[in-house]
Protein backbone atom coordinates (compact mmCIF):
# COMPACT_ATOMS: atom_id res chain seq x y z
CA MET A 1 377.95 75.32 81.63
CA ALA A 2 375.15 75.62 79.43
CA GLU A 3 371.86 73.59 79.87
CA ILE A 4 370.55 71.85 76.79
CA VAL A 5 367.19 72.20 75.86
CA THR A 6 365.31 70.45 73.30
CA PHE A 7 362.20 71.52 71.91
CA THR A 8 359.25 69.13 70.73
CA LYS A 9 356.23 69.93 68.90
CA ARG A 10 353.11 69.84 71.14
CA LYS A 11 350.61 67.37 69.96
CA PRO A 12 347.11 68.64 70.19
CA CYS A 13 344.57 67.58 73.15
CA PRO A 14 343.38 64.37 72.42
CA ILE A 15 339.84 65.35 73.38
CA CYS A 16 339.13 68.89 71.92
CA SER A 17 342.04 69.25 69.62
CA LYS A 18 343.29 72.66 71.33
CA PRO A 19 346.97 73.17 72.16
CA SER A 20 348.21 70.64 74.93
CA ASP A 21 349.37 72.51 78.35
CA PRO A 22 352.30 71.20 79.65
CA LYS A 23 350.54 71.35 83.34
CA HIS A 24 347.86 69.20 82.04
CA HIS A 25 349.84 66.92 79.62
CA PRO A 26 348.86 65.60 77.12
CA PHE A 27 345.44 67.73 77.72
CA CYS A 28 344.97 71.19 77.28
CA SER A 29 342.86 71.38 80.37
CA ASN A 30 341.82 69.75 83.75
CA ARG A 31 338.53 69.35 82.32
CA CYS A 32 339.78 67.61 79.26
CA ARG A 33 341.76 65.04 81.50
CA GLU A 34 338.47 64.62 83.50
CA VAL A 35 336.59 63.84 80.20
CA ASP A 36 339.14 61.39 79.73
CA LEU A 37 338.94 59.78 82.72
CA GLY A 38 335.29 59.22 82.62
CA ARG A 39 335.48 57.47 79.29
CA TRP A 40 338.04 55.02 80.84
CA LEU A 41 335.62 54.34 83.90
CA LYS A 42 332.81 53.77 81.58
CA GLY A 43 334.91 51.17 79.40
CA HIS A 44 334.93 53.52 76.42
CA TYR A 45 338.17 52.51 75.72
CA ALA A 46 338.77 48.81 75.44
CA ILE A 47 341.07 46.26 73.52
CA PRO A 48 338.89 43.76 71.58
CA ALA A 49 339.50 40.24 72.75
CA ASP A 50 341.01 37.81 69.78
CA ASP A 51 339.57 34.33 70.69
CA GLN A 52 340.66 32.80 67.33
CA ASP A 53 342.15 29.36 68.90
CA GLY A 54 338.63 28.61 70.55
CA ALA A 55 340.38 26.45 73.11
CA ASP A 56 337.81 27.73 75.82
CA ASN A 57 334.64 26.81 73.29
CA GLU A 58 335.93 23.05 72.61
CA PRO A 59 334.42 20.30 74.71
CA ASP A 60 336.75 18.09 76.52
CA SER A 61 338.75 15.21 74.65
CA GLY A 62 337.47 12.82 77.60
CA ALA A 63 340.81 12.01 79.11
CA ASP A 64 339.46 11.99 82.31
CA SER A 65 336.82 9.57 81.43
């Protein structure tokens, strides 16, 4: 029985935009992988907090008093 092989278009490296390498996916090299790791560790990638309800900023209603 023949094996089915699917081909997908490779996306470029998110660091340098060179073609990605399956060995270092989604990066093109170990260097770009380590650059990305360094960015994570330094906090360059962060999800902004959305404090719209303001529950932490409101004073207590005095229910305990």
